[in-house]
Amino acid sequence: MNDQIDRDKKLREAELANADEAVEELGRQGFTHRRCLRCDGRLGVDDRGCGYTVYCETQNCLRLTFRGI
């Protein structure tokens, strides 16, 4: 049971780091080449003004929202 929790936690941390890199690439280059770690689909980034939404364009298996203060 603890092994599964550890794997889920590591996957979640990797997904957050990957999404953070996608937002940084968007800011630097205006686009991102990051892939979804769940299905290997493309990640999309929507700039919502006060935050960002990072999502999987292929299968909708990932949607993360980052908000500013």
PDB file of N, CA and C in Angstrom:
ATOM      1  N   MET A   1       0.822  -1.193   0.000  1.00  0.00           N
ATOM      2  CA  MET A   1       0.000   0.000   0.000  1.00  0.00           C
ATOM      3  C   MET A   1       0.867   1.259   0.000  1.00  0.00           C
ATOM      4  N   ASN A   2       1.887   1.280   0.851  1.00  0.00           N
ATOM      5  CA  ASN A   2       2.761   2.441   0.908  1.00  0.00           C
ATOM      6  C   ASN A   2       3.538   2.624  -0.384  1.00  0.00           C
ATOM      7  N   ASP A   3       3.872   1.508  -1.066  1.00  0.00           N
ATOM      8  CA  ASP A   3       4.577   1.610  -2.344  1.00  0.00           C
ATOM      9  C   ASP A   3       3.722   2.338  -3.373  1.00  0.00           C
ATOM     10  N   GLN A   4       2.426   2.031  -3.408  1.00  0.00           N
ATOM     11  CA  GLN A   4       1.516   2.690  -4.344  1.00  0.00           C
ATOM     12  C   GLN A   4       1.394   4.175  -4.022  1.00  0.00           C
ATOM     13  N   ILE A   5       1.318   4.505  -2.761  1.00  0.00           N
ATOM     14  CA  ILE A   5       1.229   5.912  -2.350  1.00  0.00           C
ATOM     15  C   ILE A   5       2.494   6.650  -2.745  1.00  0.00           C
ATOM     16  N   ASP A   6       3.656   6.014  -2.547  1.00  0.00           N
ATOM     17  CA  ASP A   6       4.929   6.631  -2.927  1.00  0.00           C
ATOM     18  C   ASP A   6       5.006   6.844  -4.433  1.00  0.00           C
ATOM     19  N   ARG A   7       4.556   5.858  -5.217  1.00  0.00           N
ATOM     20  CA  ARG A   7       4.571   5.997  -6.686  1.00  0.00           C
ATOM     21  C   ARG A   7       3.648   7.114  -7.134  1.00  0.00           C
ATOM     22  N   ASP A   8       2.452   7.188  -6.535  1.00  0.00           N
ATOM     23  CA  ASP A   8       1.503   8.251  -6.880  1.00  0.00           C
ATOM     24  C   ASP A   8       2.070   9.626  -6.539  1.00  0.00           C
ATOM     25  N   LYS A   9       2.717   9.722  -5.391  1.00  0.00           N
ATOM     26  CA  LYS A   9       3.305  10.996  -4.977  1.00  0.00           C
ATOM     27  C   LYS A   9       4.424  11.412  -5.927  1.00  0.00           C
ATOM     28  N   LYS A  10       5.267  10.469  -6.330  1.00  0.00           N
ATOM     29  CA  LYS A  10       6.359  10.781  -7.261  1.00  0.00           C
ATOM     30  C   LYS A  10       5.815  11.182  -8.624  1.00  0.00           C
ATOM     31  N   LEU A  11       4.766  10.494  -9.096  1.00  0.00           N
ATOM     32  CA  LEU A  11       4.154  10.846 -10.377  1.00  0.00           C
ATOM     33  C   LEU A  11       3.547  12.244 -10.305  1.00  0.00           C
ATOM     34  N   ARG A  12       2.863  12.551  -9.215  1.00  0.00           N
ATOM     35  CA  ARG A  12       2.260  13.874  -9.041  1.00  0.00           C
ATOM     36  C   ARG A  12       3.332  14.964  -9.041  1.00  0.00           C
ATOM     37  N   GLU A  13       4.434  14.719  -8.335  1.00  0.00           N
ATOM     38  CA  GLU A  13       5.533  15.691  -8.303  1.00  0.00           C
ATOM     39  C   GLU A  13       6.138  15.876  -9.690  1.00  0.00           C
ATOM     40  N   ALA A  14       6.301  14.780 -10.437  1.00  0.00           N
ATOM     41  CA  ALA A  14       6.850  14.865 -11.791  1.00  0.00           C
ATOM     42  C   ALA A  14       5.898  15.619 -12.713  1.00  0.00           C
ATOM     43  N   GLU A  15       4.588  15.378 -12.573  1.00  0.00           N
ATOM     44  CA  GLU A  15       3.606  16.086 -13.394  1.00  0.00           C
ATOM     45  C   GLU A  15       3.605  17.581 -13.095  1.00  0.00           C
ATOM     46  N   LEU A  16       3.717  17.947 -11.831  1.00  0.00           N
ATOM     47  CA  LEU A  16       3.764  19.367 -11.466  1.00  0.00           C
ATOM     48  C   LEU A  16       5.021  20.033 -12.008  1.00  0.00           C
ATOM     49  N   ALA A  17       6.163  19.347 -11.919  1.00  0.00           N
ATOM     50  CA  ALA A  17       7.411  19.900 -12.449  1.00  0.00           C
ATOM     51  C   ALA A  17       7.322  20.050 -13.962  1.00  0.00           C
ATOM     52  N   ASN A  18       6.729  19.066 -14.640  1.00  0.00           N
ATOM     53  CA  ASN A  18       6.572  19.115 -16.093  1.00  0.00           C
ATOM     54  C   ASN A  18       5.639  20.260 -16.496  1.00  0.00           C
ATOM     55  N   ALA A  19       4.554  20.444 -15.760  1.00  0.00           N
ATOM     56  CA  ALA A  19       3.621  21.541 -16.047  1.00  0.00           C
ATOM     57  C   ALA A  19       4.286  22.890 -15.808  1.00  0.00           C
ATOM     58  N   ASP A  20       5.087  22.994 -14.755  1.00  0.00           N
ATOM     59  CA  ASP A  20       5.810  24.234 -14.468  1.00  0.00           C
ATOM     60  C   ASP A  20       6.779  24.562 -15.605  1.00  0.00           C
ATOM     61  N   GLU A  21       7.470  23.556 -16.113  1.00  0.00           N
ATOM     62  CA  GLU A  21       8.375  23.761 -17.251  1.00  0.00           C
ATOM     63  C   GLU A  21       7.601  24.199 -18.496  1.00  0.00           C
ATOM     64  N   ALA A  22       6.401  23.654 -18.693  1.00  0.00           N
ATOM     65  CA  ALA A  22       5.583  24.046 -19.843  1.00  0.00           C
ATOM     66  C   ALA A  22       5.219  25.526 -19.766  1.00  0.00           C
ATOM     67  N   VAL A  23       4.862  26.006 -18.574  1.00  0.00           N
ATOM     68  CA  VAL A  23       4.520  27.423 -18.399  1.00  0.00           C
ATOM     69  C   VAL A  23       5.751  28.290 -18.630  1.00  0.00           C
ATOM     70  N   GLU A  24       6.910  27.856 -18.126  1.00  0.00           N
ATOM     71  CA  GLU A  24       8.145  28.620 -18.334  1.00  0.00           C
ATOM     72  C   GLU A  24       8.512  28.683 -19.813  1.00  0.00           C
ATOM     73  N   GLU A  25       8.376  27.552 -20.534  1.00  0.00           N
ATOM     74  CA  GLU A  25       8.648  27.542 -21.976  1.00  0.00           C
ATOM     75  C   GLU A  25       7.705  28.490 -22.708  1.00  0.00           C
ATOM     76  N   LEU A  26       6.442  28.496 -22.306  1.00  0.00           N
ATOM     77  CA  LEU A  26       5.477  29.396 -22.933  1.00  0.00           C
ATOM     78  C   LEU A  26       5.915  30.844 -22.759  1.00  0.00           C
ATOM     79  N   GLY A  27       6.380  31.186 -21.568  1.00  0.00           N
ATOM     80  CA  GLY A  27       6.833  32.551 -21.315  1.00  0.00           C
ATOM     81  C   GLY A  27       8.073  32.921 -22.112  1.00  0.00           C
ATOM     82  N   ARG A  28       8.999  31.985 -22.274  1.00  0.00           N
ATOM     83  CA  ARG A  28      10.242  32.258 -22.999  1.00  0.00           C
ATOM     84  C   ARG A  28      10.055  32.240 -24.509  1.00  0.00           C
ATOM     85  N   GLN A  29       9.352  31.216 -25.014  1.00  0.00           N
ATOM     86  CA  GLN A  29       9.300  30.961 -26.451  1.00  0.00           C
ATOM     87  C   GLN A  29       7.950  31.258 -27.087  1.00  0.00           C
ATOM     88  N   GLY A  30       6.909  31.333 -26.282  1.00  0.00           N
ATOM     89  CA  GLY A  30       5.573  31.543 -26.818  1.00  0.00           C
ATOM     90  C   GLY A  30       4.855  30.245 -27.157  1.00  0.00           C
ATOM     91  N   PHE A  31       5.506  29.107 -26.929  1.00  0.00           N
ATOM     92  CA  PHE A  31       4.913  27.787 -27.167  1.00  0.00           C
ATOM     93  C   PHE A  31       5.648  26.778 -26.297  1.00  0.00           C
ATOM     94  N   THR A  32       5.137  25.558 -26.235  1.00  0.00           N
ATOM     95  CA  THR A  32       5.792  24.501 -25.469  1.00  0.00           C
ATOM     96  C   THR A  32       5.764  23.193 -26.250  1.00  0.00           C
ATOM     97  N   HIS A  33       6.798  22.397 -26.053  1.00  0.00           N
ATOM     98  CA  HIS A  33       6.881  21.065 -26.663  1.00  0.00           C
ATOM     99  C   HIS A  33       6.738  19.967 -25.616  1.00  0.00           C
ATOM    100  N   ARG A  34       6.266  20.316 -24.438  1.00  0.00           N
ATOM    101  CA  ARG A  34       6.143  19.344 -23.349  1.00  0.00           C
ATOM    102  C   ARG A  34       5.073  18.311 -23.678  1.00  0.00           C
ATOM    103  N   ARG A  35       5.290  17.080 -23.174  1.00  0.00           N
ATOM    104  CA  ARG A  35       4.362  15.973 -23.388  1.00  0.00           C
ATOM    105  C   ARG A  35       3.724  15.573 -22.057  1.00  0.00           C
ATOM    106  N   CYS A  36       2.531  15.046 -22.133  1.00  0.00           N
ATOM    107  CA  CYS A  36       1.826  14.532 -20.967  1.00  0.00           C
ATOM    108  C   CYS A  36       2.539  13.269 -20.476  1.00  0.00           C
ATOM    109  N   LEU A  37       2.783  13.181 -19.180  1.00  0.00           N
ATOM    110  CA  LEU A  37       3.455  12.013 -18.626  1.00  0.00           C
ATOM    111  C   LEU A  37       2.517  10.815 -18.500  1.00  0.00           C
ATOM    112  N   ARG A  38       1.219  11.030 -18.609  1.00  0.00           N
ATOM    113  CA  ARG A  38       0.260   9.928 -18.495  1.00  0.00           C
ATOM    114  C   ARG A  38       0.033   9.216 -19.823  1.00  0.00           C
ATOM    115  N   CYS A  39      -0.106   9.983 -20.921  1.00  0.00           N
ATOM    116  CA  CYS A  39      -0.457   9.366 -22.208  1.00  0.00           C
ATOM    117  C   CYS A  39       0.495   9.738 -23.336  1.00  0.00           C
ATOM    118  N   ASP A  40       1.489  10.574 -23.072  1.00  0.00           N
ATOM    119  CA  ASP A  40       2.461  11.058 -24.053  1.00  0.00           C
ATOM    120  C   ASP A  40       1.826  11.977 -25.097  1.00  0.00           C
ATOM    121  N   GLY A  41       0.660  12.534 -24.784  1.00  0.00           N
ATOM    122  CA  GLY A  41       0.043  13.523 -25.666  1.00  0.00           C
ATOM    123  C   GLY A  41       0.667  14.891 -25.445  1.00  0.00           C
ATOM    124  N   ARG A  42       0.283  15.849 -26.269  1.00  0.00           N
ATOM    125  CA  ARG A  42       0.810  17.215 -26.135  1.00  0.00           C
ATOM    126  C   ARG A  42       0.163  17.924 -24.955  1.00  0.00           C
ATOM    127  N   LEU A  43       0.959  18.739 -24.275  1.00  0.00           N
ATOM    128  CA  LEU A  43       0.419  19.600 -23.226  1.00  0.00           C
ATOM    129  C   LEU A  43       0.074  20.947 -23.826  1.00  0.00           C
ATOM    130  N   GLY A  44      -1.057  21.477 -23.448  1.00  0.00           N
ATOM    131  CA  GLY A  44      -1.454  22.816 -23.843  1.00  0.00           C
ATOM    132  C   GLY A  44      -1.453  23.714 -22.622  1.00  0.00           C
ATOM    133  N   VAL A  45      -1.240  25.001 -22.839  1.00  0.00           N
ATOM    134  CA  VAL A  45      -1.230  25.971 -21.746  1.00  0.00           C
ATOM    135  C   VAL A  45      -2.142  27.125 -22.134  1.00  0.00           C
ATOM    136  N   ASP A  46      -3.129  27.416 -21.285  1.00  0.00           N
ATOM    137  CA  ASP A  46      -3.996  28.584 -21.458  1.00  0.00           C
ATOM    138  C   ASP A  46      -3.577  29.640 -20.453  1.00  0.00           C
ATOM    139  N   ASP A  47      -3.295  30.843 -20.943  1.00  0.00           N
ATOM    140  CA  ASP A  47      -2.975  31.975 -20.074  1.00  0.00           C
ATOM    141  C   ASP A  47      -4.289  32.648 -19.714  1.00  0.00           C
ATOM    142  N   ARG A  48      -4.659  32.598 -18.448  1.00  0.00           N
ATOM    143  CA  ARG A  48      -5.928  33.156 -17.982  1.00  0.00           C
ATOM    144  C   ARG A  48      -5.767  34.530 -17.337  1.00  0.00           C
ATOM    145  N   GLY A  49      -4.640  35.189 -17.587  1.00  0.00           N
ATOM    146  CA  GLY A  49      -4.415  36.507 -17.008  1.00  0.00           C
ATOM    147  C   GLY A  49      -3.885  36.439 -15.591  1.00  0.00           C
ATOM    148  N   CYS A  50      -4.680  35.938 -14.666  1.00  0.00           N
ATOM    149  CA  CYS A  50      -4.240  35.842 -13.275  1.00  0.00           C
ATOM    150  C   CYS A  50      -3.755  34.435 -12.934  1.00  0.00           C
ATOM    151  N   GLY A  51      -3.676  33.557 -13.921  1.00  0.00           N
ATOM    152  CA  GLY A  51      -3.202  32.196 -13.699  1.00  0.00           C
ATOM    153  C   GLY A  51      -3.076  31.450 -15.013  1.00  0.00           C
ATOM    154  N   TYR A  52      -2.703  30.195 -14.928  1.00  0.00           N
ATOM    155  CA  TYR A  52      -2.532  29.348 -16.105  1.00  0.00           C
ATOM    156  C   TYR A  52      -3.271  28.043 -15.902  1.00  0.00           C
ATOM    157  N   THR A  53      -3.743  27.463 -16.994  1.00  0.00           N
ATOM    158  CA  THR A  53      -4.273  26.115 -16.976  1.00  0.00           C
ATOM    159  C   THR A  53      -3.416  25.282 -17.914  1.00  0.00           C
ATOM    160  N   VAL A  54      -2.851  24.205 -17.387  1.00  0.00           N
ATOM    161  CA  VAL A  54      -2.057  23.268 -18.179  1.00  0.00           C
ATOM    162  C   VAL A  54      -2.914  22.024 -18.347  1.00  0.00           C
ATOM    163  N   TYR A  55      -3.063  21.550 -19.582  1.00  0.00           N
ATOM    164  CA  TYR A  55      -3.951  20.424 -19.841  1.00  0.00           C
ATOM    165  C   TYR A  55      -3.383  19.537 -20.938  1.00  0.00           C
ATOM    166  N   CYS A  56      -3.863  18.299 -20.988  1.00  0.00           N
ATOM    167  CA  CYS A  56      -3.485  17.361 -22.039  1.00  0.00           C
ATOM    168  C   CYS A  56      -4.405  17.608 -23.231  1.00  0.00           C
ATOM    169  N   GLU A  57      -3.821  17.932 -24.379  1.00  0.00           N
ATOM    170  CA  GLU A  57      -4.620  18.214 -25.575  1.00  0.00           C
ATOM    171  C   GLU A  57      -5.177  16.946 -26.207  1.00  0.00           C
ATOM    172  N   THR A  58      -4.565  15.802 -25.945  1.00  0.00           N
ATOM    173  CA  THR A  58      -4.916  14.571 -26.639  1.00  0.00           C
ATOM    174  C   THR A  58      -6.083  13.835 -25.985  1.00  0.00           C
ATOM    175  N   GLN A  59      -5.951  13.506 -24.693  1.00  0.00           N
ATOM    176  CA  GLN A  59      -6.957  12.659 -24.049  1.00  0.00           C
ATOM    177  C   GLN A  59      -7.652  13.300 -22.854  1.00  0.00           C
ATOM    178  N   ASN A  60      -7.364  14.559 -22.559  1.00  0.00           N
ATOM    179  CA  ASN A  60      -7.949  15.234 -21.387  1.00  0.00           C
ATOM    180  C   ASN A  60      -7.724  14.459 -20.092  1.00  0.00           C
ATOM    181  N   CYS A  61      -6.560  13.810 -19.969  1.00  0.00           N
ATOM    182  CA  CYS A  61      -6.275  13.039 -18.762  1.00  0.00           C
ATOM    183  C   CYS A  61      -5.585  13.878 -17.694  1.00  0.00           C
ATOM    184  N   LEU A  62      -5.277  15.142 -18.014  1.00  0.00           N
ATOM    185  CA  LEU A  62      -4.594  16.006 -17.057  1.00  0.00           C
ATOM    186  C   LEU A  62      -5.109  17.430 -17.211  1.00  0.00           C
ATOM    187  N   ARG A  63      -5.413  18.069 -16.094  1.00  0.00           N
ATOM    188  CA  ARG A  63      -5.799  19.485 -16.092  1.00  0.00           C
ATOM    189  C   ARG A  63      -5.349  20.074 -14.761  1.00  0.00           C
ATOM    190  N   LEU A  64      -4.391  21.000 -14.828  1.00  0.00           N
ATOM    191  CA  LEU A  64      -3.858  21.665 -13.643  1.00  0.00           C
ATOM    192  C   LEU A  64      -4.075  23.158 -13.789  1.00  0.00           C
ATOM    193  N   THR A  65      -4.522  23.801 -12.729  1.00  0.00           N
ATOM    194  CA  THR A  65      -4.728  25.244 -12.741  1.00  0.00           C
ATOM    195  C   THR A  65      -3.802  25.879 -11.721  1.00  0.00           C
ATOM    196  N   PHE A  66      -3.019  26.848 -12.180  1.00  0.00           N
ATOM    197  CA  PHE A  66      -2.118  27.611 -11.319  1.00  0.00           C
ATOM    198  C   PHE A  66      -2.667  29.018 -11.231  1.00  0.00           C
ATOM    199  N   ARG A  67      -2.843  29.524 -10.022  1.00  0.00           N
ATOM    200  CA  ARG A  67      -3.389  30.865  -9.830  1.00  0.00           C
ATOM    201  C   ARG A  67      -2.362  31.760  -9.164  1.00  0.00           C
ATOM    202  N   GLY A  68      -2.399  33.027  -9.529  1.00  0.00           N
ATOM    203  CA  GLY A  68      -1.559  34.017  -8.870  1.00  0.00           C
ATOM    204  C   GLY A  68      -2.222  34.514  -7.604  1.00  0.00           C
ATOM    205  N   ILE A  69      -1.513  35.338  -6.899  1.00  0.00           N
ATOM    206  CA  ILE A  69      -2.058  35.860  -5.639  1.00  0.00           C
ATOM    207  C   ILE A  69      -2.828  37.131  -5.905  1.00  0.00           C
TER     208      ILE A  69
END
